[in-house]
Protein backbone atom coordinates (compact mmCIF):
# COMPACT_ATOMS: atom_id res chain seq x y z
CA MET A 1 4.18 -99.00 31.52
CA THR A 2 7.28 -100.68 32.09
CA GLN A 3 9.40 -102.05 28.73
CA GLN A 4 8.69 -105.59 29.78
CA ALA A 5 4.92 -104.38 29.78
CA GLU A 6 4.89 -102.86 26.30
CA ASN A 7 6.05 -106.47 24.60
CA ASN A 8 3.76 -108.68 26.66
CA THR A 9 1.13 -106.39 26.12
CA THR A 10 -1.64 -105.82 22.92
CA TYR A 11 -5.34 -103.80 23.02
CA LEU A 12 -7.41 -105.36 21.32
CA TRP A 13 -10.08 -102.38 20.52
CA PHE A 14 -13.62 -103.70 19.75
CA ASP A 15 -17.17 -102.79 19.66
CA TYR A 16 -20.19 -104.59 18.44
CA GLU A 17 -23.63 -103.52 17.03
CA THR A 18 -26.41 -105.15 17.93
CA PHE A 19 -30.63 -106.22 16.94
CA GLY A 20 -31.55 -104.00 20.37
CA ALA A 21 -30.61 -102.25 23.34
CA ASN A 22 -30.85 -105.45 26.00
CA ALA A 23 -27.50 -107.23 26.05
CA ILE A 24 -29.04 -109.97 27.76
CA LYS A 25 -31.70 -110.84 25.87
CA ASP A 26 -30.85 -109.05 22.07
CA ARG A 27 -28.32 -110.56 20.39
CA PRO A 28 -24.82 -109.59 17.91
CA ALA A 29 -25.10 -108.26 14.16
CA GLN A 30 -21.20 -107.61 13.84
CA PHE A 31 -18.29 -107.44 15.62
CA GLY A 32 -15.46 -105.18 14.92
CA ALA A 33 -12.00 -104.65 16.38
CA VAL A 34 -8.15 -103.43 15.88
CA ARG A 35 -5.51 -104.58 17.61
CA THR A 36 -2.63 -102.35 18.46
CA ASP A 37 0.59 -102.27 20.37
CA ALA A 38 0.94 -100.56 24.17
CA SER A 39 2.19 -97.91 22.07
CA PHE A 40 -1.07 -97.98 19.89
CA ASN A 41 0.76 -99.30 16.53
CA VAL A 42 -1.83 -101.33 14.88
CA LEU A 43 -1.06 -104.82 14.34
CA GLY A 44 -2.38 -107.07 11.31
CA ARG A 45 -5.92 -106.17 9.25
CA PRO A 46 -9.37 -105.03 11.11
CA ILE A 47 -11.64 -107.68 12.16
CA ILE A 48 -14.88 -107.31 10.98
CA LEU A 49 -17.86 -110.49 11.27
CA TYR A 50 -20.89 -110.81 10.91
CA SER A 51 -22.88 -113.40 12.79
CA GLN A 52 -26.56 -115.14 11.47
CA LEU A 53 -29.34 -114.33 13.00
CA ALA A 54 -31.27 -117.39 14.58
CA ASP A 55 -35.29 -118.30 14.47
CA ASP A 56 -35.66 -117.75 17.71
CA TYR A 57 -35.39 -114.74 17.36
CA LEU A 58 -37.37 -111.29 16.69
CA PRO A 59 -34.75 -108.41 16.85
CA SER A 60 -35.85 -104.48 17.08
CA ALA A 61 -36.59 -102.34 14.00
CA GLY A 62 -35.35 -99.36 15.87
CA ALA A 63 -31.50 -100.48 15.98
CA SER A 64 -31.39 -101.16 12.16
CA LEU A 65 -32.02 -97.71 11.68
CA ILE A 66 -29.16 -97.03 13.60
CA THR A 67 -26.90 -99.58 12.46
CA GLY A 68 -28.54 -100.22 8.79
CA ILE A 69 -28.20 -103.92 9.26
CA THR A 70 -30.98 -105.81 8.66
CA PRO A 71 -31.31 -109.51 9.08
CA MET A 72 -31.87 -109.69 5.26
CA THR A 73 -28.55 -107.16 4.40
CA LEU A 74 -26.65 -110.00 6.52
CA LEU A 75 -27.50 -112.83 3.94
CA GLU A 76 -25.76 -111.34 1.59
CA GLU A 77 -22.00 -110.41 3.73
CA GLU A 78 -19.92 -112.71 2.43
CA ASN A 79 -18.02 -113.34 5.71
CA VAL A 80 -21.12 -114.09 7.76
CA MET A 81 -21.14 -117.08 9.89
CA THR A 82 -23.28 -118.97 12.30
CA GLU A 83 -23.23 -117.82 15.80
CA SER A 84 -21.10 -120.31 17.29
CA ASP A 85 -17.84 -119.20 14.83
CA PHE A 86 -19.09 -116.10 15.13
CA ALA A 87 -18.67 -115.85 19.18
CA GLU A 88 -15.69 -118.97 18.54
CA SER A 89 -13.93 -115.43 16.79
CA ILE A 90 -14.19 -113.24 19.07
CA TYR A 91 -12.69 -116.53 21.96
CA GLN A 92 -10.01 -116.55 20.37
CA GLN A 93 -8.65 -113.04 19.81
CA MET A 94 -10.30 -111.59 23.49
CA ILE A 95 -8.09 -115.00 24.87
CA LYS A 96 -4.72 -114.27 23.81
CA PRO A 97 -1.90 -113.82 25.98
CA GLY A 98 -1.50 -110.34 26.90
CA THR A 99 -4.83 -109.07 25.35
CA ILE A 100 -6.60 -105.42 26.93
CA SER A 101 -10.13 -105.90 25.42
CA ILE A 102 -11.38 -102.25 25.11
CA GLY A 103 -14.44 -101.05 24.47
CA PHE A 104 -16.49 -97.29 24.72
CA ASN A 105 -19.37 -97.99 26.97
CA SER A 106 -18.52 -102.00 26.90
CA ILE A 107 -18.92 -102.42 30.91
CA SER A 108 -22.68 -101.25 30.58
CA PHE A 109 -23.21 -103.13 27.11
CA ASP A 110 -20.28 -104.74 25.34
CA ASP A 111 -19.06 -106.91 28.06
CA THR A 112 -22.18 -108.06 28.75
CA VAL A 113 -23.06 -108.80 25.03
CA THR A 114 -19.49 -111.02 25.41
CA ARG A 115 -20.35 -112.81 28.43
CA PHE A 116 -23.84 -114.19 27.05
CA LEU A 117 -22.93 -114.50 23.52
CA PHE A 118 -20.56 -116.79 25.04
CA TRP A 119 -22.64 -118.56 27.09
CA ARG A 120 -25.26 -119.39 24.53
CA ASN A 121 -22.47 -121.01 22.28
CA LEU A 122 -21.10 -122.90 25.53
CA ILE A 123 -17.99 -121.23 25.83
CA PRO A 124 -16.35 -119.64 29.45
CA PRO A 125 -17.82 -116.56 30.02
CA TYR A 126 -15.23 -115.43 31.97
CA THR A 127 -11.91 -116.23 31.16
CA ARG A 128 -10.99 -113.78 28.42
CA GLU A 129 -11.09 -110.86 31.44
CA LYS A 130 -8.56 -112.66 33.29
CA GLY A 131 -4.98 -114.67 33.13
CA GLU A 132 -1.90 -114.97 31.52
CA GLY A 133 -2.22 -111.01 30.97
CA ARG A 134 -5.71 -110.39 30.14
CA GLY A 135 -7.66 -107.83 31.30
CA ARG A 136 -10.45 -105.19 30.41
CA PHE A 137 -11.00 -101.55 30.11
CA ASP A 138 -14.07 -99.30 29.65
CA LEU A 139 -12.89 -95.64 28.40
CA PHE A 140 -16.01 -94.59 29.08
CA PRO A 141 -15.37 -94.02 32.88
CA PHE A 142 -12.00 -92.97 32.47
CA ILE A 143 -13.48 -90.16 29.92
CA LYS A 144 -15.73 -89.48 32.83
CA ALA A 145 -13.12 -89.05 35.10
CA LEU A 146 -10.63 -87.53 32.61
CA TYR A 147 -13.75 -84.80 32.63
CA ALA A 148 -13.58 -84.26 36.62
CA PHE A 149 -10.50 -84.03 37.26
CA TYR A 150 -8.13 -82.61 33.88
CA PRO A 151 -10.90 -80.91 31.79
CA ASP A 152 -8.44 -78.70 29.60
CA THR A 153 -7.20 -82.78 28.50
CA LEU A 154 -9.68 -82.74 25.46
CA ASN A 155 -12.21 -80.63 23.54
CA TRP A 156 -15.74 -81.33 25.22
CA PRO A 157 -18.62 -81.25 22.63
CA LYS A 158 -22.26 -79.49 23.92
CA ARG A 159 -25.65 -81.18 23.73
CA GLU A 160 -28.73 -78.88 22.65
CA ASP A 161 -29.29 -78.85 26.90
CA GLY A 162 -26.11 -77.29 27.38
CA PHE A 163 -24.18 -79.62 29.31
CA VAL A 164 -21.57 -82.49 27.99
CA SER A 165 -21.90 -84.56 25.60
CA MET A 166 -19.85 -88.19 25.88
CA LYS A 167 -21.03 -89.58 22.77
CA LEU A 168 -17.93 -90.75 20.45
CA GLU A 169 -18.68 -89.86 16.78
CA ASN A 170 -19.30 -86.05 18.79
CA LEU A 171 -15.28 -86.46 21.47
CA SER A 172 -13.73 -87.34 17.90
CA LYS A 173 -15.50 -84.57 15.80
CA ALA A 174 -14.63 -82.20 18.67
CA ASN A 175 -10.73 -83.43 18.47
CA GLY A 176 -10.10 -83.61 14.98
CA LEU A 177 -10.52 -87.16 15.30
CA SER A 178 -11.13 -89.82 12.75
CA HIS A 179 -14.83 -91.57 13.14
CA GLU A 180 -16.11 -91.72 9.23
CA HIS A 181 -19.29 -94.40 10.10
CA ALA A 182 -20.75 -93.80 13.51
CA HIS A 183 -22.38 -97.03 14.32
CA ASP A 184 -19.96 -99.30 12.38
CA ALA A 185 -18.55 -101.51 14.65
CA SER A 186 -15.00 -101.69 12.77
CA SER A 187 -15.04 -97.46 12.36
CA ASP A 188 -16.35 -97.19 16.40
CA ALA A 189 -13.49 -99.44 17.60
CA TYR A 190 -11.15 -97.07 15.72
CA ALA A 191 -12.23 -94.17 16.42
CA THR A 192 -12.14 -95.00 20.45
CA MET A 193 -7.98 -96.80 19.73
CA LEU A 194 -7.59 -92.74 17.42
CA LEU A 195 -9.53 -91.47 21.36
CA ALA A 196 -7.42 -92.43 23.73
CA LYS A 197 -4.05 -92.25 21.91
CA LEU A 198 -4.51 -88.29 21.75
CA ILE A 199 -5.02 -89.26 25.93
CA CYS A 200 -2.19 -90.90 25.99
CA GLN A 201 -0.19 -88.44 24.32
CA LYS A 202 -1.76 -85.58 26.59
CA LYS A 203 -1.71 -87.44 29.44
CA PRO A 204 0.53 -90.80 29.78
CA LYS A 205 0.42 -91.08 33.45
CA ILE A 206 -2.74 -90.72 34.27
CA TRP A 207 -3.12 -93.54 31.20
CA GLU A 208 -1.17 -95.72 33.00
CA TYR A 209 -2.82 -95.30 36.49
CA ALA A 210 -6.52 -96.05 34.61
CA LEU A 211 -5.12 -98.93 33.23
CA THR A 212 -3.78 -100.30 36.30
CA ILE A 213 -6.51 -99.00 38.70
CA SER A 214 -9.17 -100.71 36.85
CA ARG A 215 -7.68 -104.16 37.37
CA ALA A 216 -10.02 -105.60 40.71
CA GLU A 217 -7.30 -106.69 42.82
CA ASN A 218 -5.85 -103.11 42.63
CA LEU A 219 -9.09 -101.62 43.22
CA VAL A 220 -9.93 -104.37 46.29
CA LYS A 221 -6.51 -103.23 47.89
CA LEU A 222 -7.13 -99.42 47.42
CA MET A 223 -10.46 -100.01 49.63
CA SER A 224 -9.11 -102.45 51.96
CA GLU A 225 -7.34 -99.30 53.12
CA GLN A 226 -10.11 -97.94 54.37
CA ALA A 227 -8.65 -94.21 53.45
CA PRO A 228 -10.20 -91.38 52.15
CA LEU A 229 -11.16 -91.52 48.80
CA LEU A 230 -11.70 -89.56 45.39
CA TYR A 231 -14.46 -91.26 43.32
CA VAL A 232 -15.99 -89.85 40.10
CA ASP A 233 -19.35 -90.62 40.20
CA PRO A 234 -20.38 -91.62 36.83
CA PHE A 235 -23.83 -90.95 37.31
CA ARG A 236 -22.72 -86.92 38.68
CA THR A 237 -20.54 -85.88 35.71
CA HIS A 238 -23.18 -82.54 34.65
CA GLU A 239 -22.88 -81.32 38.42
CA ARG A 240 -20.89 -78.85 40.19
CA SER A 241 -18.19 -81.44 40.58
CA ARG A 242 -17.93 -83.03 37.51
CA GLY A 243 -19.06 -86.43 39.99
CA LEU A 244 -16.24 -86.10 42.31
CA ARG A 245 -17.39 -87.37 45.37
CA PRO A 246 -15.13 -87.67 48.45
CA VAL A 247 -15.95 -91.14 50.33
CA PHE A 248 -15.04 -93.16 52.38
CA PRO A 249 -15.38 -97.42 52.24
CA LEU A 250 -17.17 -99.00 55.28
CA MET A 251 -17.36 -102.68 54.26
CA GLU A 252 -18.44 -105.33 51.56
CA SER A 253 -21.87 -105.81 50.29
CA PRO A 254 -22.74 -108.30 52.79
CA SER A 255 -24.94 -109.28 49.11
CA ILE A 256 -23.64 -107.97 46.70
CA LYS A 257 -20.20 -109.45 45.60
CA GLY A 258 -17.67 -107.14 44.71
CA THR A 259 -19.76 -104.04 45.68
CA TRP A 260 -18.49 -101.90 48.58
CA VAL A 261 -20.45 -100.16 50.67
CA CYS A 262 -19.21 -95.82 51.42
CA TRP A 263 -20.18 -93.39 53.40
CA ASP A 264 -20.37 -89.88 51.83
CA LEU A 265 -18.31 -87.53 53.44
CA ASN A 266 -20.41 -84.40 52.70
CA ALA A 267 -22.11 -86.04 55.19
CA ASP A 268 -21.76 -85.74 59.11
CA PRO A 269 -20.63 -89.67 59.98
CA SER A 270 -22.19 -89.55 63.11
CA ALA A 271 -25.82 -90.21 61.45
CA MET A 272 -24.59 -93.97 61.31
CA MET A 273 -24.78 -94.35 64.60
CA THR A 274 -29.24 -94.15 64.59
CA ILE A 275 -29.65 -95.70 61.12
CA SER A 276 -32.50 -98.15 61.81
CA ALA A 277 -33.94 -101.07 59.57
CA GLU A 278 -37.05 -98.60 58.19
CA ASP A 279 -33.91 -95.89 56.88
CA MET A 280 -32.60 -98.52 54.92
CA LYS A 281 -35.67 -99.03 53.30
CA THR A 282 -37.02 -96.14 52.84
CA ARG A 283 -33.94 -93.97 52.20
CA LEU A 284 -31.61 -96.47 51.13
CA PHE A 285 -32.53 -96.02 47.40
CA VAL A 286 -34.97 -92.89 47.00
CA LYS A 287 -37.00 -91.81 43.48
CA ALA A 288 -37.13 -88.44 42.31
CA GLU A 289 -40.74 -88.05 43.02
CA ASP A 290 -39.33 -88.45 46.41
CA ARG A 291 -37.32 -86.14 46.99
CA GLU A 292 -39.06 -83.90 45.29
CA LYS A 293 -41.38 -84.43 48.34
CA GLY A 294 -38.68 -83.41 50.65
CA VAL A 295 -37.50 -87.81 51.51
CA GLU A 296 -33.35 -87.63 52.28
CA PRO A 297 -31.27 -90.50 50.69
CA LEU A 298 -28.77 -92.49 53.48
CA PRO A 299 -25.15 -91.29 52.61
CA PHE A 300 -24.30 -94.47 51.82
CA VAL A 301 -22.67 -94.56 48.13
CA MET A 302 -22.15 -98.32 46.97
CA ILE A 303 -19.46 -98.63 44.10
CA ASN A 304 -19.00 -101.71 42.12
CA LEU A 305 -15.88 -103.11 41.21
CA LYS A 306 -17.13 -104.79 38.76
CA LYS A 307 -17.83 -101.35 36.76
CA GLN A 308 -13.86 -100.51 37.12
CA PRO A 309 -14.73 -96.94 39.13
CA PHE A 310 -12.33 -94.28 38.69
CA LEU A 311 -11.15 -93.92 42.78
CA VAL A 312 -7.93 -92.06 43.53
CA ARG A 313 -6.38 -91.67 47.30
CA GLY A 314 -6.44 -88.88 49.53
CA ILE A 315 -8.53 -85.51 49.80
CA GLY A 316 -5.81 -82.90 48.37
CA TRP A 317 -6.73 -82.65 45.17
CA VAL A 318 -9.71 -80.62 46.52
CA ASP A 319 -8.00 -78.05 47.73
CA LYS A 320 -4.90 -77.93 45.22
CA ASN A 321 -6.91 -78.51 42.07
CA GLY A 322 -10.61 -78.50 43.43
CA LYS A 323 -11.91 -75.04 43.87
CA GLY A 324 -15.13 -73.94 43.29
CA LEU A 325 -16.56 -77.58 42.93
CA PHE A 326 -17.19 -78.60 46.60
CA ASP A 327 -18.98 -76.86 49.33
CA HIS A 328 -16.55 -78.06 52.05
CA ASP A 329 -12.63 -77.69 52.02
CA ALA A 330 -9.97 -80.85 52.63
CA ALA A 331 -10.12 -80.91 56.65
CA TYR A 332 -13.61 -81.20 57.08
CA PHE A 333 -13.67 -84.30 55.08
CA LEU A 334 -10.94 -85.58 56.48
CA ALA A 335 -12.68 -84.90 59.57
CA ASN A 336 -15.19 -86.86 58.95
CA ALA A 337 -12.99 -89.35 57.79
CA GLN A 338 -11.67 -89.30 61.64
CA LYS A 339 -14.55 -90.15 63.19
CA ILE A 340 -15.48 -92.46 60.91
CA ARG A 341 -12.07 -94.61 62.56
CA GLU A 342 -12.97 -93.87 65.84
CA MET A 343 -16.84 -95.61 65.23
CA LYS A 344 -15.69 -98.72 64.05
CA ASP A 345 -17.45 -100.77 66.03
CA ARG A 346 -20.75 -99.61 64.17
CA ILE A 347 -19.94 -101.76 60.90
CA PRO A 348 -21.13 -105.03 62.34
CA ALA A 349 -24.70 -103.69 62.99
CA LEU A 350 -24.86 -101.64 59.94
CA ASN A 351 -23.56 -104.85 57.80
CA SER A 352 -26.48 -106.85 59.89
CA LEU A 353 -28.47 -103.97 58.29
CA PHE A 354 -27.61 -104.30 54.74
CA ALA A 355 -27.81 -108.26 55.00
CA GLU A 356 -31.12 -108.12 56.58
CA LEU A 357 -32.83 -105.88 53.29
CA ALA A 358 -31.12 -108.40 50.79
CA GLU A 359 -32.76 -111.41 52.22
CA LYS A 360 -35.84 -109.36 51.75
CA ASP A 361 -34.88 -108.63 48.53
CA SER A 362 -34.03 -111.84 47.30
CA GLN A 363 -37.40 -113.02 47.15
CA ARG A 364 -38.60 -111.33 44.18
CA PHE A 365 -36.19 -113.52 41.92
CA ASP A 366 -37.97 -116.97 42.86
CA ASN A 367 -40.77 -117.27 40.50
CA GLN A 368 -38.74 -116.02 37.80
CA VAL A 369 -39.05 -117.62 34.24
CA VAL A 370 -35.95 -118.73 33.22
CA ILE A 371 -34.69 -118.95 29.87
CA PRO A 372 -31.21 -120.78 30.08
CA GLU A 373 -29.33 -118.79 27.77
CA GLU A 374 -30.39 -115.58 29.62
CA HIS A 375 -29.72 -117.15 32.85
CA LEU A 376 -25.97 -116.81 33.43
CA TYR A 377 -25.87 -114.61 35.87
CA PHE A 378 -28.10 -116.54 38.31
CA ASN A 379 -26.30 -120.02 37.15
CA ASN A 380 -23.94 -121.98 40.15
CA PHE A 381 -22.77 -125.30 38.31
CA PRO A 382 -19.98 -127.05 39.12
CA PHE A 383 -16.50 -127.46 37.09
CA SER A 384 -17.62 -130.83 35.74
CA ASP A 385 -20.55 -129.08 33.70
CA ARG A 386 -18.02 -127.03 32.44
CA ASP A 387 -15.46 -129.13 31.26
CA LYS A 388 -18.70 -130.90 29.52
CA MET A 389 -19.79 -127.61 27.90
CA THR A 390 -15.92 -127.00 26.56
CA ASN A 391 -15.92 -130.61 25.24
CA PHE A 392 -18.89 -130.58 23.94
CA ARG A 393 -18.39 -127.79 21.31
CA LYS A 394 -15.11 -129.58 20.12
CA LEU A 395 -17.67 -132.11 18.47
CA SER A 396 -18.68 -132.70 14.80
CA PRO A 397 -22.81 -131.46 14.98
CA MET A 398 -24.11 -135.33 14.18
CA GLU A 399 -21.75 -136.04 17.26
CA MET A 400 -23.49 -133.68 18.86
CA ALA A 401 -27.05 -135.23 18.26
CA GLU A 402 -25.77 -138.82 19.58
CA ARG A 403 -24.29 -137.49 22.69
CA LEU A 404 -27.15 -135.04 24.01
CA PRO A 405 -29.10 -137.74 25.76
CA THR A 406 -26.21 -139.32 27.78
CA ILE A 407 -24.13 -135.73 28.70
CA GLY A 408 -24.98 -136.09 32.55
CA TYR A 409 -25.25 -132.76 33.50
CA THR A 410 -26.26 -132.02 37.05
CA LYS A 411 -28.59 -129.38 35.65
CA ASP A 412 -31.51 -129.68 33.53
CA GLU A 413 -31.15 -126.11 32.17
CA LEU A 414 -27.92 -127.34 30.80
CA THR A 415 -29.25 -129.80 28.91
CA ARG A 416 -31.81 -127.22 27.56
CA LEU A 417 -28.96 -124.22 26.86
CA THR A 418 -27.16 -127.10 24.82
CA LEU A 419 -29.89 -128.26 23.46
CA TYR A 420 -30.44 -124.67 22.11
CA PHE A 421 -27.06 -124.05 21.23
CA MET A 422 -27.50 -127.32 18.83
CA ALA A 423 -30.78 -126.02 17.67
CA ARG A 424 -29.48 -122.25 16.56
CA ASN A 425 -26.57 -123.24 15.52
CA TRP A 426 -27.23 -126.97 12.92
CA PRO A 427 -30.94 -127.64 13.48
CA GLU A 428 -30.98 -129.91 9.87
CA GLU A 429 -27.89 -131.65 11.30
CA THR A 430 -28.73 -131.92 15.09
CA LEU A 431 -32.18 -132.31 15.74
CA GLU A 432 -34.54 -135.33 16.02
CA PRO A 433 -38.43 -135.39 15.50
CA ASP A 434 -38.30 -135.61 19.98
CA THR A 435 -35.75 -132.48 20.15
CA GLU A 436 -37.34 -130.31 16.87
CA ALA A 437 -40.71 -130.50 19.00
CA GLN A 438 -38.63 -129.22 22.12
CA TRP A 439 -37.07 -126.38 19.87
CA ARG A 440 -40.12 -125.99 17.93
CA LYS A 441 -42.51 -125.43 21.39
CA TYR A 442 -39.52 -123.09 22.87
CA LYS A 443 -39.51 -120.97 20.05
CA MET A 444 -43.58 -121.02 20.08
CA GLN A 445 -43.27 -119.74 23.91
CA LYS A 446 -40.74 -116.83 23.14
CA LEU A 447 -41.92 -115.52 20.08
CA VAL A 448 -45.76 -116.03 20.34
CA ASN A 449 -46.46 -115.88 24.38
CA GLY A 450 -43.53 -113.78 24.94
CA HIS A 451 -41.74 -116.16 27.22
CA GLY A 452 -39.54 -114.52 29.90
CA GLY A 453 -39.97 -110.95 27.97
CA SER A 454 -39.13 -112.01 25.07
CA ARG A 455 -39.73 -109.96 22.07
CA THR A 456 -43.29 -110.77 20.54
CA PHE A 457 -44.67 -111.05 16.16
CA GLU A 458 -47.31 -108.49 17.83
CA GLU A 459 -44.64 -106.05 19.30
CA PHE A 460 -41.92 -106.71 16.58
CA PHE A 461 -44.82 -105.95 13.57
CA SER A 462 -46.35 -102.93 15.97
CA GLU A 463 -43.27 -100.89 16.26
CA ILE A 464 -42.65 -101.30 12.48
CA ASP A 465 -46.30 -99.79 11.70
CA GLU A 466 -45.10 -96.94 14.42
CA LEU A 467 -41.57 -95.98 12.99
CA GLU A 468 -42.96 -96.37 9.43
CA LYS A 469 -45.44 -93.24 10.28
CA GLN A 470 -42.73 -91.52 12.55
CA TYR A 471 -40.26 -91.74 9.20
CA ALA A 472 -43.43 -91.38 6.33
CA ASP A 473 -41.50 -89.05 4.05
CA ASP A 474 -37.64 -90.85 4.83
CA GLU A 475 -37.29 -93.31 1.26
CA ALA A 476 -34.04 -95.10 3.24
CA LYS A 477 -35.32 -95.71 6.28
CA LEU A 478 -38.63 -97.18 4.68
CA GLN A 479 -36.45 -99.31 2.38
CA ILE A 480 -34.80 -100.72 5.92
CA LEU A 481 -38.11 -100.99 7.52
CA GLU A 482 -39.22 -103.23 4.51
CA GLU A 483 -36.43 -104.88 4.66
CA VAL A 484 -36.88 -106.10 8.54
CA ARG A 485 -40.84 -106.93 8.40
CA GLU A 486 -40.22 -108.90 5.19
CA TYR A 487 -37.99 -110.68 7.91
CA GLY A 488 -40.30 -110.95 10.61
CA GLU A 489 -43.30 -111.95 8.10
CA ASN A 490 -41.37 -114.94 6.43
CA LEU A 491 -40.76 -116.60 10.06
CA LEU A 492 -44.40 -116.27 11.48
CA ALA A 493 -45.39 -117.98 7.90
CA ASP A 494 -43.58 -121.02 9.47
CA TYR A 495 -45.37 -120.71 12.57
CA GLN A 496 -48.73 -120.69 10.61
CA GLY A 497 -48.45 -123.38 8.59
């Protein structure tokens, strides 16, 4: 890393603890972070924030058993804040120029939590991910890449089934790193930083490459070269190849922006010439039970660049360092790559097959129940609406109540999003009799009727009943479950009155 980059870049190591495993639907309870410079020197004090839980949502009791945080304990935290202030505080940390926000498994979970937290609170969901030297990075895929390419870098703990465990707490322990409180956001954030620091000390060039290749523009450039690549498949790390797959980029998906269609170079590319629409329907994604019946999946590899895949140019590593991992040598993969180059006229037909299949799949979303605060990925709206949302956030609660009827969004969905934002954070200050009635009806639809797949009172109490049976002899866990039940009963009483 250059001296200029070191001077301008800081890493924000962060983690959430949430009230459930669904990153879109479930709400955060705690945010923890520590900021360092590019040399891993800690800057300032650790950040620990707690968010109030709004009454349009029921938590998972199982999540509280993992974290020890219940809705009742949040009431006792001195620095607990409205979700609006919680989101704003996180946004201000992540939006600082030069900030690279880094988590562990953050692409699959924490980044989604962040986006929907911001969206619910009328904050731009993506600004913190780009511009002014900002970015995001997930250490977890890099750990898998490290295991694939340089397994001698770390000590790898084993699970009971004999496979390598890549859980943060297990990796920390196996490598002599401090991780005192697993499933505490601040402790997990600090442990992530220590693990990255250890890797950087042992493999500084690989660390720098990982940060560089994680940026979208660099990934697009790599794919556009249309040359053989080694790809770390995150779902195959326990196979003999440690997840490494030689691939050849064919084209960007015609239906999924940021996803590239590649060919697995283990397979003869000649098969591309005879792939039909029926093959695409039955063999593009093959379930395990169908594989057992002999259905062979098509050798396409779909690589989503938004998930920061780890890719390396060339196939030379196969012969130099990968002996025993592959069924073929580098010459075989290079020969298949050359066949693909000679078949470039087939690519437009493949593009049409993917587009046709995507059009049929899109029909299953037509009748989807819309919950505005969960509809970020399906919502296209003009910049004028974004500006209105940003300006609305600057108002006082009383001014919000006055401004809502005339806000003038292009979509009613955004008006409802804004109303629910007000109601979750300042119900007493912002709701009039008519909007309070709308809010109460909406909560009833979610918590009683399960609107849009929301967790209901019935599901909430049923989970607690099952967990109490499971942990009947564990007083500590029973105490947590009792607190969660008390919260639900207090909330339920409001609907029975």
